[in-house]
Amino acid sequence: MKKILLTLAALGSLSAVQAQQAGSWLIQGGMTRIAPSVSSGTLSAPSPSGTTVDVGADNQVTAQVTYMVDQNWAVAVPLGLGFKHKLYGTGAIAGVGQIGTVTALPISVFAQYRFGESNAKFRPYAMLGLSYAYFHDAQGSATLNSLNPLNPVGGSTGLKVDSKFALSPGLGMAYQVDDRWFVDFSYTKSLLKTTTTLSTGQSINTTLNPAIITLGVGMRY
């Protein structure tokens, strides 16, 4: 019995040591919040002078797959179905409310450097990613239709938001609950700029620079 207990303890210790070593796959699910920090240009003419925009935040269920290249370096790929953001009028049209919506699908790959030993309970990490923000299903609201001087009578103003690449630096921390389960928290700032064009020809440049906050729970494989 003593030998059996010692063997089980040794196996448990070995499993914990291997928790985040080379070849480990970390699969997690959780919630992600994307909150743009908008610096808006002005809408080109014809439009009310000083027309600017703001973009609302959205929360969605997400997943992430991480591969440990070695004890410290890892490659992480977040997975999700997209985030729907509301567009609001500001500046000259402040107070008009929502002027449209757009869905953003961020496609990212991150390189992570995890500090500490592979068997540490708590491991902070730094990361840098390349992201492609794919914007689709952009729609103008009835409010935008009424504000746009070029909107055809009885028609609607369409929107097109340009998809763009962006660098995404961030920080995170992982807590190993046991030899398989872990909790992960990360904060990323994506350095993103884009241009939105109305179907009637006016355009506006915006710096979005969204903060991306993710809390997940996962398992090691």
Protein backbone atom coordinates (compact mmCIF):
# COMPACT_ATOMS: atom_id res chain seq x y z
CA MET A 1 0.00 0.00 0.00
CA LYS A 2 2.85 2.38 0.85
CA LYS A 3 4.45 1.72 -2.52
CA ILE A 4 1.13 2.36 -4.31
CA LEU A 5 0.62 5.66 -2.50
CA LEU A 6 4.17 6.77 -3.28
CA THR A 7 3.67 5.86 -6.95
CA LEU A 8 0.40 7.81 -7.17
CA ALA A 9 2.02 10.82 -5.49
CA ALA A 10 4.92 10.67 -7.94
CA LEU A 11 2.54 10.49 -10.92
CA GLY A 12 0.53 13.45 -9.58
CA SER A 13 3.72 15.43 -9.11
CA LEU A 14 4.89 14.59 -12.62
CA SER A 15 1.50 15.62 -14.07
CA ALA A 16 1.65 18.96 -12.25
CA VAL A 17 5.21 19.56 -13.46
CA GLN A 18 4.05 18.96 -17.03
CA ALA A 19 1.08 21.31 -16.67
CA GLN A 20 2.47 23.91 -19.06
CA GLN A 21 5.47 22.21 -20.64
CA ALA A 22 6.32 21.79 -24.33
CA GLY A 23 3.65 19.95 -26.27
CA SER A 24 0.75 20.77 -23.93
CA TRP A 25 -2.54 21.95 -25.43
CA LEU A 26 -4.62 24.37 -23.34
CA ILE A 27 -8.30 24.56 -24.33
CA GLN A 28 -10.50 27.16 -22.66
CA GLY A 29 -13.93 28.75 -22.90
CA GLY A 30 -15.21 31.95 -21.34
CA MET A 31 -16.47 35.48 -21.91
CA THR A 32 -14.84 38.29 -23.87
CA ARG A 33 -15.68 42.00 -23.80
CA ILE A 34 -14.55 44.26 -26.64
CA ALA A 35 -14.80 47.95 -25.73
CA PRO A 36 -13.59 50.42 -28.41
CA SER A 37 -11.78 53.57 -27.25
CA VAL A 38 -12.84 55.77 -30.15
CA SER A 39 -11.08 58.82 -31.53
CA SER A 40 -13.27 59.94 -34.40
CA GLY A 41 -12.55 62.03 -37.45
CA THR A 42 -15.36 64.08 -39.02
CA LEU A 43 -17.80 62.88 -41.66
CA SER A 44 -17.03 64.30 -45.08
CA ALA A 45 -19.47 66.68 -46.80
CA PRO A 46 -22.31 66.97 -47.31
CA SER A 47 -23.07 66.52 -43.61
CA PRO A 48 -23.54 68.69 -40.54
CA SER A 49 -20.16 70.28 -39.78
CA GLY A 50 -18.30 68.42 -37.01
CA THR A 51 -20.22 65.15 -37.32
CA THR A 52 -18.37 62.40 -35.41
CA VAL A 53 -19.18 58.92 -34.16
CA ASP A 54 -18.78 56.59 -31.19
CA VAL A 55 -18.86 52.78 -31.03
CA GLY A 56 -20.41 50.74 -28.23
CA ALA A 57 -18.97 47.66 -26.48
CA ASP A 58 -20.17 44.07 -26.78
CA ASN A 59 -19.78 40.84 -24.74
CA GLN A 60 -19.72 37.36 -26.25
CA VAL A 61 -18.91 33.76 -25.37
CA THR A 62 -15.50 32.80 -26.79
CA ALA A 63 -12.95 29.98 -26.76
CA GLN A 64 -9.19 29.80 -27.09
CA VAL A 65 -6.66 27.15 -28.12
CA THR A 66 -3.09 27.52 -26.81
CA TYR A 67 -0.08 25.36 -27.69
CA MET A 68 2.97 25.36 -25.41
CA VAL A 69 6.02 25.47 -27.69
CA ASP A 70 8.31 25.09 -24.69
CA GLN A 71 8.16 25.83 -20.95
CA ASN A 72 7.77 29.59 -21.51
CA TRP A 73 6.70 30.27 -25.10
CA ALA A 74 3.19 29.56 -26.37
CA VAL A 75 1.00 30.28 -29.40
CA ALA A 76 -2.65 31.20 -28.70
CA VAL A 77 -5.58 31.45 -31.11
CA PRO A 78 -8.85 33.00 -29.79
CA LEU A 79 -12.08 31.71 -31.34
CA GLY A 80 -15.49 33.39 -31.56
CA LEU A 81 -18.49 34.07 -33.77
CA GLY A 82 -18.19 37.86 -33.82
CA PHE A 83 -19.20 40.96 -31.85
CA LYS A 84 -22.10 43.25 -32.75
CA HIS A 85 -21.37 46.92 -32.06
CA LYS A 86 -23.81 49.83 -32.02
CA LEU A 87 -22.76 53.09 -33.71
CA TYR A 88 -23.77 56.42 -32.16
CA GLY A 89 -23.75 59.98 -33.40
CA THR A 90 -21.52 62.49 -31.57
CA GLY A 91 -20.21 65.98 -32.19
CA ALA A 92 -22.66 67.93 -34.34
CA ILE A 93 -25.22 65.12 -34.08
CA ALA A 94 -24.72 64.29 -30.39
CA GLY A 95 -27.94 63.14 -28.77
CA VAL A 96 -29.53 61.61 -31.88
CA GLY A 97 -28.84 58.11 -30.55
CA GLN A 98 -27.98 55.02 -32.54
CA ILE A 99 -27.12 55.57 -36.21
CA GLY A 100 -26.15 52.02 -37.16
CA THR A 101 -24.67 48.65 -36.27
CA VAL A 102 -21.72 46.58 -37.47
CA THR A 103 -20.49 43.08 -36.70
CA ALA A 104 -16.76 42.61 -36.10
CA LEU A 105 -14.99 39.25 -36.27
CA PRO A 106 -11.45 39.54 -34.89
CA ILE A 107 -9.11 36.88 -36.29
CA SER A 108 -5.92 36.78 -34.19
CA VAL A 109 -2.78 34.81 -33.48
CA PHE A 110 -0.76 35.59 -30.32
CA ALA A 111 2.75 34.76 -29.21
CA GLN A 112 2.85 34.47 -25.40
CA TYR A 113 5.79 34.45 -23.02
CA ARG A 114 4.84 32.84 -19.68
CA PHE A 115 6.96 33.77 -16.68
CA GLY A 116 7.97 31.29 -13.97
CA GLU A 117 8.31 27.51 -13.90
CA SER A 118 5.96 25.16 -15.76
CA ASN A 119 4.63 23.74 -12.47
CA ALA A 120 3.92 27.15 -10.87
CA LYS A 121 0.35 27.69 -9.67
CA PHE A 122 0.32 31.32 -10.87
CA ARG A 123 1.94 32.35 -14.14
CA PRO A 124 1.69 35.89 -15.54
CA TYR A 125 2.41 36.33 -19.24
CA ALA A 126 3.02 38.98 -21.87
CA MET A 127 1.77 38.60 -25.42
CA LEU A 128 1.83 40.20 -28.84
CA GLY A 129 -0.58 39.33 -31.60
CA LEU A 130 -1.44 40.12 -35.17
CA SER A 131 -5.18 40.65 -35.61
CA TYR A 132 -7.41 41.03 -38.65
CA ALA A 133 -10.65 42.83 -37.84
CA TYR A 134 -13.23 41.62 -40.35
CA PHE A 135 -16.24 43.96 -40.40
CA HIS A 136 -19.49 42.85 -42.00
CA ASP A 137 -23.28 43.31 -41.87
CA ALA A 138 -22.97 47.07 -41.35
CA GLN A 139 -26.40 48.74 -41.39
CA GLY A 140 -27.60 52.30 -41.06
CA SER A 141 -30.55 53.12 -38.80
CA ALA A 142 -33.68 55.14 -39.52
CA THR A 143 -32.01 58.01 -37.64
CA LEU A 144 -29.07 58.01 -40.08
CA ASN A 145 -31.52 57.96 -43.00
CA SER A 146 -33.22 61.10 -41.70
CA LEU A 147 -29.93 62.92 -41.01
CA ASN A 148 -28.22 62.20 -44.33
CA PRO A 149 -28.92 65.02 -46.82
CA LEU A 150 -28.12 62.70 -49.75
CA ASN A 151 -30.37 59.85 -48.63
CA PRO A 152 -32.94 59.13 -51.37
CA VAL A 153 -36.57 59.68 -50.47
CA GLY A 154 -37.96 56.42 -49.14
CA GLY A 155 -34.53 54.82 -49.29
CA SER A 156 -31.92 53.91 -46.71
CA THR A 157 -28.26 54.75 -46.18
CA GLY A 158 -25.95 51.74 -46.36
CA LEU A 159 -22.62 51.44 -44.51
CA LYS A 160 -19.32 49.79 -45.36
CA VAL A 161 -16.59 49.47 -42.70
CA ASP A 162 -13.12 48.58 -44.01
CA SER A 163 -11.54 45.44 -42.56
CA LYS A 164 -8.02 46.07 -41.27
CA PHE A 165 -4.92 44.43 -39.74
CA ALA A 166 -3.71 45.59 -36.31
CA LEU A 167 -1.01 44.80 -33.76
CA SER A 168 -2.43 43.63 -30.42
CA PRO A 169 -0.14 43.73 -27.35
CA GLY A 170 -1.45 42.42 -24.05
CA LEU A 171 -0.91 40.96 -20.59
CA GLY A 172 -2.48 38.00 -18.86
CA MET A 173 -2.33 35.61 -15.94
CA ALA A 174 -3.08 31.91 -15.56
CA TYR A 175 -3.87 30.10 -12.31
CA GLN A 176 -3.48 26.34 -12.22
CA VAL A 177 -6.33 24.94 -10.08
CA ASP A 178 -5.01 21.37 -10.30
CA ASP A 179 -2.99 19.28 -12.75
CA ARG A 180 -5.57 19.77 -15.53
CA TRP A 181 -7.89 22.69 -14.78
CA PHE A 182 -6.88 26.36 -14.95
CA VAL A 183 -8.38 29.87 -14.89
CA ASP A 184 -7.10 32.49 -17.33
CA PHE A 185 -7.52 36.28 -17.49
CA SER A 186 -6.13 38.56 -20.21
CA TYR A 187 -6.22 42.19 -21.27
CA THR A 188 -5.31 43.20 -24.82
CA LYS A 189 -5.22 46.55 -26.60
CA SER A 190 -5.66 46.28 -30.35
CA LEU A 191 -4.17 49.22 -32.29
CA LEU A 192 -6.89 49.52 -34.91
CA LYS A 193 -7.94 52.23 -37.34
CA THR A 194 -10.59 51.98 -40.03
CA THR A 195 -12.70 53.97 -42.48
CA THR A 196 -16.48 53.85 -42.78
CA THR A 197 -18.12 54.86 -46.06
CA LEU A 198 -21.81 55.63 -46.56
CA SER A 199 -23.60 54.33 -49.63
CA THR A 200 -24.16 57.99 -50.56
CA GLY A 201 -20.40 58.66 -50.71
CA GLN A 202 -19.48 60.38 -47.42
CA SER A 203 -16.72 58.77 -45.35
CA ILE A 204 -15.25 59.01 -41.85
CA ASN A 205 -11.95 57.81 -40.38
CA THR A 206 -11.97 56.38 -36.86
CA THR A 207 -9.33 55.11 -34.46
CA LEU A 208 -10.98 52.29 -32.52
CA ASN A 209 -8.13 50.89 -30.34
CA PRO A 210 -10.46 48.45 -28.54
CA ALA A 211 -9.69 47.00 -25.11
CA ILE A 212 -10.26 43.23 -25.17
CA ILE A 213 -10.87 41.58 -21.79
CA THR A 214 -11.23 37.80 -21.53
CA LEU A 215 -11.96 35.54 -18.55
CA GLY A 216 -11.81 31.83 -19.25
CA VAL A 217 -11.72 28.39 -17.65
CA GLY A 218 -9.94 25.53 -19.36
CA MET A 219 -8.20 22.17 -19.34
CA ARG A 220 -4.74 20.94 -20.29
CA TYR A 221 -4.46 18.11 -22.84
